[in-house]
Amino acid sequence: MMMRVWFEKTGRLKYISHLDLNRTMLRAVSRSGLPLWYTQGFNRHPFITFALPLSLGVASRCEIMDVRLADEAVVAPKDAITALNKVLPPELQVFRAAEAVQKVGQIAFATYELDFIGQSETIERQFTDFWIRNQILVFKKTKSGGKEVDLKGIVEITKTTRLDDRFRVVTLLPAGSEESLNPTVLTAAFIEFANDDTIGVSITRTAVMNKDKQDFC
């Protein structure tokens, strides 16, 4: 059985790398007492995989990890959640577990909260001027080098909110195997347009969706 685990990565733990996260979760599932399936060979270890690794410094309320359980093992989701949370820190907590049904390859979109920290009224005006343009060309790094893309063609702004100390932009970005965009590309393009390096940026992934924009979490 492949069990899918959904967890949050918040607070200080947004600054650990994906490699460190992998090591942390590998130790956690080993210590949890769950009936795990182990790889064969000299260095046996539990089989776990992650969907959509985050960039360093990005928090998330929707992380996905698949854990393979031992053959014939039967584990209630609530028991898996309890066992894992007992051995995980408060900023890395599991909120759901179930048998994996949808394939990770079906993921096509992700939503993010982009918080631009500073004078919210000024930032709101700057972002409006930034996004009202017909075309926003940026250079996107790829495995083959890079290419120029138009953000207006692949980014969907779903909501904006002016708060006391920040301007929040909620956006839907492609996150599939055919097309994907790191949210830092969008935030960097805006900061460059605003020409104001005093603006702080905080990014949180809030959801992962399939091609029909149905919630994967």
Protein backbone atom coordinates (compact mmCIF):
# COMPACT_ATOMS: atom_id res chain seq x y z
CA MET A 1 0.00 0.00 0.00
CA MET A 2 1.17 3.50 -0.82
CA MET A 3 -0.01 5.93 1.84
CA ARG A 4 -0.19 9.59 0.93
CA VAL A 5 0.59 12.06 3.70
CA TRP A 6 -0.24 15.76 3.57
CA PHE A 7 1.71 18.09 5.86
CA GLU A 8 2.54 21.73 6.53
CA LYS A 9 6.00 23.27 6.44
CA THR A 10 5.91 26.62 8.20
CA GLY A 11 7.85 29.02 10.40
CA ARG A 12 11.60 28.52 10.60
CA LEU A 13 11.41 25.20 8.77
CA LYS A 14 10.72 26.97 5.48
CA TYR A 15 14.47 27.63 5.48
CA ILE A 16 15.53 23.97 5.38
CA SER A 17 16.44 22.57 1.98
CA HIS A 18 14.53 19.80 0.23
CA LEU A 19 17.44 17.45 0.93
CA ASP A 20 17.22 18.21 4.66
CA LEU A 21 13.45 17.77 4.54
CA ASN A 22 13.94 14.38 2.90
CA ARG A 23 16.33 13.33 5.68
CA THR A 24 13.99 14.64 8.38
CA MET A 25 10.95 12.79 7.06
CA LEU A 26 12.97 9.63 6.47
CA ARG A 27 13.96 9.62 10.15
CA ALA A 28 10.42 10.49 11.23
CA VAL A 29 8.73 7.64 9.36
CA SER A 30 11.36 5.24 10.72
CA ARG A 31 10.75 6.41 14.30
CA SER A 32 6.96 6.52 13.95
CA GLY A 33 6.45 2.78 14.36
CA LEU A 34 4.46 2.49 11.12
CA PRO A 35 4.79 -0.90 9.33
CA LEU A 36 7.07 0.28 6.52
CA TRP A 37 8.30 -1.39 3.38
CA TYR A 38 12.08 -1.18 3.10
CA THR A 39 14.21 -1.07 -0.01
CA GLN A 40 16.43 -4.05 -0.68
CA GLY A 41 20.22 -4.02 -0.67
CA PHE A 42 23.03 -3.10 1.72
CA ASN A 43 21.61 0.28 2.85
CA ARG A 44 17.96 -0.55 3.46
CA HIS A 45 15.61 2.39 4.10
CA PRO A 46 11.89 3.24 3.88
CA PHE A 47 10.56 4.22 0.46
CA ILE A 48 9.26 7.81 0.44
CA THR A 49 8.75 10.31 -2.37
CA PHE A 50 7.69 13.96 -2.47
CA ALA A 51 5.62 15.98 -4.93
CA LEU A 52 6.70 19.47 -6.08
CA PRO A 53 9.76 20.25 -3.95
CA LEU A 54 9.74 23.81 -2.62
CA SER A 55 12.36 26.47 -3.11
CA LEU A 56 14.32 27.45 0.00
CA GLY A 57 12.43 30.06 2.02
CA VAL A 58 8.95 29.14 0.73
CA ALA A 59 6.43 27.98 3.34
CA SER A 60 3.60 25.60 2.55
CA ARG A 61 0.22 24.54 3.87
CA CYS A 62 0.04 21.72 1.32
CA GLU A 63 3.04 19.38 1.10
CA ILE A 64 2.62 15.84 -0.24
CA MET A 65 4.66 12.77 0.67
CA ASP A 66 4.02 9.16 -0.37
CA VAL A 67 5.15 6.39 1.99
CA ARG A 68 5.11 2.73 1.00
CA LEU A 69 3.82 0.46 3.75
CA ALA A 70 4.72 -3.18 4.22
CA ASP A 71 2.78 -5.77 2.25
CA GLU A 72 -0.52 -6.70 3.91
CA ALA A 73 -0.18 -3.77 6.35
CA VAL A 74 -3.42 -2.04 7.38
CA VAL A 75 -3.09 1.37 9.03
CA ALA A 76 -5.92 3.75 9.89
CA PRO A 77 -5.21 7.28 8.59
CA LYS A 78 -5.78 8.86 12.02
CA ASP A 79 -3.24 6.45 13.54
CA ALA A 80 -0.67 7.36 10.89
CA ILE A 81 -1.21 11.07 11.56
CA THR A 82 -0.80 10.60 15.32
CA ALA A 83 2.30 8.43 14.98
CA LEU A 84 4.06 10.87 12.63
CA ASN A 85 3.16 14.05 14.53
CA LYS A 86 4.57 12.59 17.74
CA VAL A 87 8.04 12.53 16.17
CA LEU A 88 7.82 15.72 14.08
CA PRO A 89 8.44 19.33 15.18
CA PRO A 90 5.49 21.77 15.54
CA GLU A 91 6.34 23.54 12.27
CA LEU A 92 6.24 20.28 10.32
CA GLN A 93 2.89 18.65 11.07
CA VAL A 94 0.76 16.11 9.22
CA PHE A 95 -2.90 17.06 8.78
CA ARG A 96 -4.17 14.26 6.51
CA ALA A 97 -3.33 10.70 5.46
CA ALA A 98 -5.00 8.33 3.00
CA GLU A 99 -4.23 5.70 0.41
CA ALA A 100 -2.72 7.35 -2.66
CA VAL A 101 -5.30 7.46 -5.45
CA GLN A 102 -4.42 10.25 -7.86
CA LYS A 103 -0.97 9.97 -9.40
CA VAL A 104 1.47 12.74 -8.61
CA GLY A 105 1.91 13.16 -12.36
CA GLN A 106 -1.65 14.51 -12.51
CA ILE A 107 -0.64 17.67 -10.62
CA ALA A 108 -0.95 20.66 -12.95
CA PHE A 109 -1.37 23.80 -10.81
CA ALA A 110 -0.47 25.27 -7.43
CA THR A 111 -1.79 28.31 -5.58
CA TYR A 112 0.37 30.70 -3.59
CA GLU A 113 -0.01 33.65 -1.26
CA LEU A 114 2.58 36.27 -2.19
CA ASP A 115 3.02 38.81 0.61
CA PHE A 116 4.87 41.98 -0.39
CA ILE A 117 5.85 43.52 2.94
CA GLY A 118 6.07 47.29 3.34
CA GLN A 119 3.84 50.31 2.69
CA SER A 120 0.79 48.38 1.49
CA GLU A 121 -0.94 51.30 -0.24
CA THR A 122 2.17 52.14 -2.28
CA ILE A 123 2.84 48.48 -3.10
CA GLU A 124 -0.77 48.00 -4.22
CA ARG A 125 -0.43 50.91 -6.65
CA GLN A 126 2.91 49.61 -7.93
CA PHE A 127 1.54 46.09 -8.43
CA THR A 128 -1.49 47.42 -10.29
CA ASP A 129 0.82 49.31 -12.64
CA PHE A 130 2.96 46.18 -13.00
CA TRP A 131 0.10 43.80 -13.79
CA ILE A 132 -1.99 46.11 -16.00
CA ARG A 133 0.56 45.82 -18.79
CA ASN A 134 -0.41 43.74 -21.82
CA GLN A 135 2.77 41.70 -21.69
CA ILE A 136 5.29 40.89 -18.95
CA LEU A 137 8.32 39.12 -20.41
CA VAL A 138 10.76 37.37 -18.06
CA PHE A 139 13.62 34.92 -18.49
CA LYS A 140 12.82 31.48 -17.09
CA LYS A 141 15.57 28.97 -16.39
CA THR A 142 15.08 25.50 -17.86
CA LYS A 143 17.09 22.28 -17.98
CA SER A 144 18.26 23.21 -21.46
CA GLY A 145 19.31 26.71 -20.44
CA GLY A 146 16.35 29.09 -20.41
CA LYS A 147 13.67 30.83 -22.39
CA GLU A 148 11.64 34.02 -22.39
CA VAL A 149 8.04 33.66 -21.22
CA ASP A 150 5.11 36.04 -20.87
CA LEU A 151 3.76 35.96 -17.32
CA LYS A 152 0.42 37.34 -18.47
CA GLY A 153 -0.13 34.16 -20.46
CA ILE A 154 0.52 31.63 -17.67
CA VAL A 155 -0.19 33.40 -14.36
CA GLU A 156 -3.68 33.88 -12.94
CA ILE A 157 -4.18 36.47 -10.18
CA THR A 158 -7.21 35.30 -8.22
CA LYS A 159 -7.29 37.82 -5.35
CA THR A 160 -5.46 40.82 -3.92
CA THR A 161 -5.74 42.20 -0.39
CA ARG A 162 -4.21 45.28 1.23
CA LEU A 163 -3.28 44.55 4.85
CA ASP A 164 -1.69 46.80 7.48
CA ASP A 165 1.93 45.96 6.73
CA ARG A 166 1.76 44.10 3.43
CA PHE A 167 0.00 43.67 0.11
CA ARG A 168 -1.11 40.10 -0.54
CA VAL A 169 -1.48 38.58 -3.99
CA VAL A 170 -3.11 35.16 -4.36
CA THR A 171 -2.07 33.50 -7.59
CA LEU A 172 -2.56 30.27 -9.53
CA LEU A 173 0.58 29.04 -11.28
CA PRO A 174 1.29 26.09 -13.59
CA ALA A 175 3.02 23.29 -11.68
CA GLY A 176 2.89 20.29 -14.00
CA SER A 177 5.40 18.31 -16.00
CA GLU A 178 4.61 20.18 -19.22
CA GLU A 179 4.57 23.73 -17.82
CA SER A 180 5.62 25.07 -14.44
CA LEU A 181 6.60 28.39 -12.91
CA ASN A 182 8.42 29.09 -9.67
CA PRO A 183 6.59 31.88 -7.77
CA THR A 184 9.93 33.60 -7.18
CA VAL A 185 10.02 34.43 -10.90
CA LEU A 186 6.87 36.51 -10.46
CA THR A 187 7.97 38.17 -7.21
CA ALA A 188 11.40 39.02 -8.64
CA ALA A 189 9.84 40.55 -11.76
CA PHE A 190 7.62 42.78 -9.63
CA ILE A 191 10.45 43.90 -7.32
CA GLU A 192 12.52 44.80 -10.38
CA PHE A 193 9.61 46.76 -11.85
CA ALA A 194 8.96 48.58 -8.56
CA ASN A 195 12.70 49.35 -8.30
CA ASP A 196 12.44 49.15 -4.52
CA ASP A 197 14.64 46.62 -2.75
CA THR A 198 13.14 47.56 0.62
CA ILE A 199 10.00 45.55 -0.21
CA GLY A 200 10.07 42.24 1.65
CA VAL A 201 8.62 39.05 0.19
CA SER A 202 6.98 36.09 1.93
CA ILE A 203 5.66 33.15 -0.13
CA THR A 204 3.31 30.39 1.04
CA ARG A 205 1.97 27.55 -1.07
CA THR A 206 -1.67 27.00 -0.15
CA ALA A 207 -2.93 24.29 -2.53
CA VAL A 208 -1.99 21.83 -5.25
CA MET A 209 -4.45 20.99 -8.02
CA ASN A 210 -4.93 18.67 -10.98
CA LYS A 211 -5.58 19.81 -14.56
CA ASP A 212 -9.29 20.32 -13.78
CA LYS A 213 -8.26 22.64 -10.92
CA GLN A 214 -9.60 20.21 -8.35
CA ASP A 215 -7.77 20.27 -5.02
CA PHE A 216 -5.07 17.62 -4.72
CA CYS A 217 -4.92 18.21 -0.97
